[in-house]
Amino acid sequence: MSLEQAILEAVRALPAEKRQEVLIKSVRGLWADLGISLSADEIEENQRDMWRNFPRSEI
């Protein structure tokens, strides 16, 4: 098993709220050296906005 697979399995085993916390912390790490500061609420709002009009296949 690769490190990537092990990490993915560990994250999948977490409860939903803990998975969200891991993802938010990971995203924050991407811009940590850029001086950008966003709250968890701001991140969640932006995620909702981005996915709001995402195309859905209609069956």
N, C-alpha and C. Protein backbone atom coordinates (compact mmCIF):
# COMPACT_ATOMS: atom_id res chain seq x y z
N MET A 1 0.86 -1.18 0.00
CA MET A 1 0.00 0.00 0.00
C MET A 1 0.90 1.24 0.00
N SER A 2 0.58 2.18 -0.86
CA SER A 2 1.36 3.41 -0.93
C SER A 2 0.98 4.35 0.22
N LEU A 3 1.82 5.31 0.47
CA LEU A 3 1.54 6.31 1.51
C LEU A 3 0.24 7.04 1.19
N GLU A 4 0.06 7.39 -0.08
CA GLU A 4 -1.16 8.09 -0.49
C GLU A 4 -2.41 7.26 -0.18
N GLN A 5 -2.36 5.97 -0.47
CA GLN A 5 -3.51 5.10 -0.19
C GLN A 5 -3.76 4.98 1.31
N ALA A 6 -2.68 4.89 2.09
CA ALA A 6 -2.82 4.78 3.54
C ALA A 6 -3.45 6.04 4.12
N ILE A 7 -3.03 7.20 3.65
CA ILE A 7 -3.59 8.46 4.12
C ILE A 7 -5.07 8.55 3.74
N LEU A 8 -5.37 8.20 2.50
CA LEU A 8 -6.76 8.25 2.03
C LEU A 8 -7.65 7.32 2.86
N GLU A 9 -7.18 6.12 3.13
CA GLU A 9 -7.97 5.20 3.95
C GLU A 9 -8.16 5.71 5.37
N ALA A 10 -7.12 6.31 5.93
CA ALA A 10 -7.22 6.87 7.29
C ALA A 10 -8.23 8.00 7.33
N VAL A 11 -8.23 8.87 6.32
CA VAL A 11 -9.19 9.98 6.27
C VAL A 11 -10.60 9.46 6.08
N ARG A 12 -10.75 8.46 5.22
CA ARG A 12 -12.09 7.89 4.98
C ARG A 12 -12.67 7.25 6.24
N ALA A 13 -11.82 6.76 7.12
CA ALA A 13 -12.28 6.11 8.35
C ALA A 13 -12.76 7.10 9.40
N LEU A 14 -12.46 8.37 9.21
CA LEU A 14 -12.85 9.39 10.17
C LEU A 14 -14.34 9.72 10.07
N PRO A 15 -14.94 10.17 11.17
CA PRO A 15 -16.32 10.68 11.10
C PRO A 15 -16.36 11.90 10.18
N ALA A 16 -17.51 12.19 9.61
CA ALA A 16 -17.67 13.26 8.63
C ALA A 16 -17.12 14.60 9.12
N GLU A 17 -17.41 14.99 10.35
CA GLU A 17 -16.95 16.31 10.83
C GLU A 17 -15.43 16.35 10.95
N LYS A 18 -14.82 15.24 11.29
CA LYS A 18 -13.35 15.19 11.37
C LYS A 18 -12.73 15.24 9.98
N ARG A 19 -13.37 14.60 8.99
CA ARG A 19 -12.87 14.67 7.60
C ARG A 19 -12.89 16.12 7.14
N GLN A 20 -13.97 16.84 7.42
CA GLN A 20 -14.08 18.25 7.03
C GLN A 20 -12.97 19.07 7.69
N GLU A 21 -12.71 18.79 8.95
CA GLU A 21 -11.66 19.51 9.68
C GLU A 21 -10.29 19.27 9.03
N VAL A 22 -10.02 18.03 8.65
CA VAL A 22 -8.75 17.70 7.99
C VAL A 22 -8.64 18.45 6.67
N LEU A 23 -9.71 18.46 5.90
CA LEU A 23 -9.69 19.15 4.60
C LEU A 23 -9.48 20.64 4.76
N ILE A 24 -10.14 21.25 5.70
CA ILE A 24 -9.99 22.69 5.92
C ILE A 24 -8.56 23.00 6.33
N LYS A 25 -8.00 22.23 7.24
CA LYS A 25 -6.63 22.47 7.67
C LYS A 25 -5.66 22.27 6.52
N SER A 26 -5.92 21.29 5.66
CA SER A 26 -5.05 21.04 4.52
C SER A 26 -5.08 22.22 3.54
N VAL A 27 -6.27 22.73 3.28
CA VAL A 27 -6.41 23.86 2.36
C VAL A 27 -5.70 25.09 2.92
N ARG A 28 -5.84 25.31 4.22
CA ARG A 28 -5.17 26.45 4.84
C ARG A 28 -3.66 26.35 4.67
N GLY A 29 -3.13 25.14 4.74
CA GLY A 29 -1.70 24.93 4.59
C GLY A 29 -1.19 25.32 3.22
N LEU A 30 -2.05 25.24 2.21
CA LEU A 30 -1.64 25.58 0.86
C LEU A 30 -1.29 27.06 0.71
N TRP A 31 -1.94 27.92 1.47
CA TRP A 31 -1.67 29.35 1.33
C TRP A 31 -1.07 29.95 2.60
N ALA A 32 -0.56 29.13 3.49
CA ALA A 32 -0.03 29.61 4.78
C ALA A 32 1.05 30.67 4.61
N ASP A 33 1.90 30.53 3.60
CA ASP A 33 2.99 31.48 3.41
C ASP A 33 2.60 32.71 2.59
N LEU A 34 1.33 32.81 2.20
CA LEU A 34 0.87 33.93 1.38
C LEU A 34 0.23 35.05 2.18
N GLY A 35 0.07 34.85 3.48
CA GLY A 35 -0.51 35.88 4.33
C GLY A 35 -2.02 36.01 4.18
N ILE A 36 -2.67 34.97 3.68
CA ILE A 36 -4.12 34.98 3.51
C ILE A 36 -4.75 34.34 4.73
N SER A 37 -5.80 34.96 5.26
CA SER A 37 -6.46 34.42 6.44
C SER A 37 -7.95 34.29 6.17
N LEU A 38 -8.44 33.05 6.14
CA LEU A 38 -9.85 32.78 5.95
C LEU A 38 -10.35 31.92 7.10
N SER A 39 -11.56 32.20 7.55
CA SER A 39 -12.15 31.39 8.60
C SER A 39 -12.76 30.13 7.99
N ALA A 40 -13.05 29.15 8.84
CA ALA A 40 -13.70 27.93 8.38
C ALA A 40 -15.05 28.26 7.75
N ASP A 41 -15.76 29.24 8.31
CA ASP A 41 -17.06 29.64 7.75
C ASP A 41 -16.90 30.22 6.35
N GLU A 42 -15.86 31.02 6.15
CA GLU A 42 -15.63 31.60 4.82
C GLU A 42 -15.30 30.51 3.80
N ILE A 43 -14.51 29.55 4.21
CA ILE A 43 -14.16 28.45 3.32
C ILE A 43 -15.41 27.65 2.95
N GLU A 44 -16.22 27.32 3.95
CA GLU A 44 -17.45 26.56 3.70
C GLU A 44 -18.41 27.32 2.80
N GLU A 45 -18.53 28.63 3.02
CA GLU A 45 -19.41 29.45 2.17
C GLU A 45 -18.92 29.43 0.72
N ASN A 46 -17.62 29.56 0.53
CA ASN A 46 -17.07 29.53 -0.81
C ASN A 46 -17.27 28.17 -1.46
N GLN A 47 -17.14 27.10 -0.70
CA GLN A 47 -17.38 25.77 -1.24
C GLN A 47 -18.83 25.63 -1.69
N ARG A 48 -19.75 26.11 -0.87
CA ARG A 48 -21.18 26.04 -1.25
C ARG A 48 -21.42 26.83 -2.53
N ASP A 49 -20.83 28.02 -2.62
CA ASP A 49 -21.00 28.85 -3.82
C ASP A 49 -20.45 28.15 -5.06
N MET A 50 -19.29 27.53 -4.92
CA MET A 50 -18.67 26.87 -6.08
C MET A 50 -19.50 25.69 -6.56
N TRP A 51 -20.09 24.94 -5.64
CA TRP A 51 -20.82 23.74 -6.02
C TRP A 51 -22.29 24.00 -6.31
N ARG A 52 -22.79 25.19 -6.00
CA ARG A 52 -24.22 25.50 -6.15
C ARG A 52 -24.71 25.24 -7.57
N ASN A 53 -24.00 25.68 -8.57
CA ASN A 53 -24.45 25.55 -9.96
C ASN A 53 -23.70 24.46 -10.71
N PHE A 54 -23.07 23.56 -9.98
CA PHE A 54 -22.33 22.48 -10.62
C PHE A 54 -23.31 21.62 -11.41
N PRO A 55 -22.96 21.32 -12.65
CA PRO A 55 -23.90 20.53 -13.47
C PRO A 55 -24.18 19.17 -12.85
N ARG A 56 -25.43 18.83 -12.85
CA ARG A 56 -25.85 17.53 -12.36
C ARG A 56 -26.50 16.78 -13.53
N SER A 57 -26.17 15.52 -13.63
CA SER A 57 -26.79 14.73 -14.71
C SER A 57 -28.22 14.41 -14.30
N GLU A 58 -29.10 14.55 -15.22
CA GLU A 58 -30.51 14.26 -14.94
C GLU A 58 -30.86 12.95 -15.61
N ILE A 59 -31.45 12.08 -14.80
CA ILE A 59 -31.78 10.73 -15.31
C ILE A 59 -33.25 10.65 -15.63
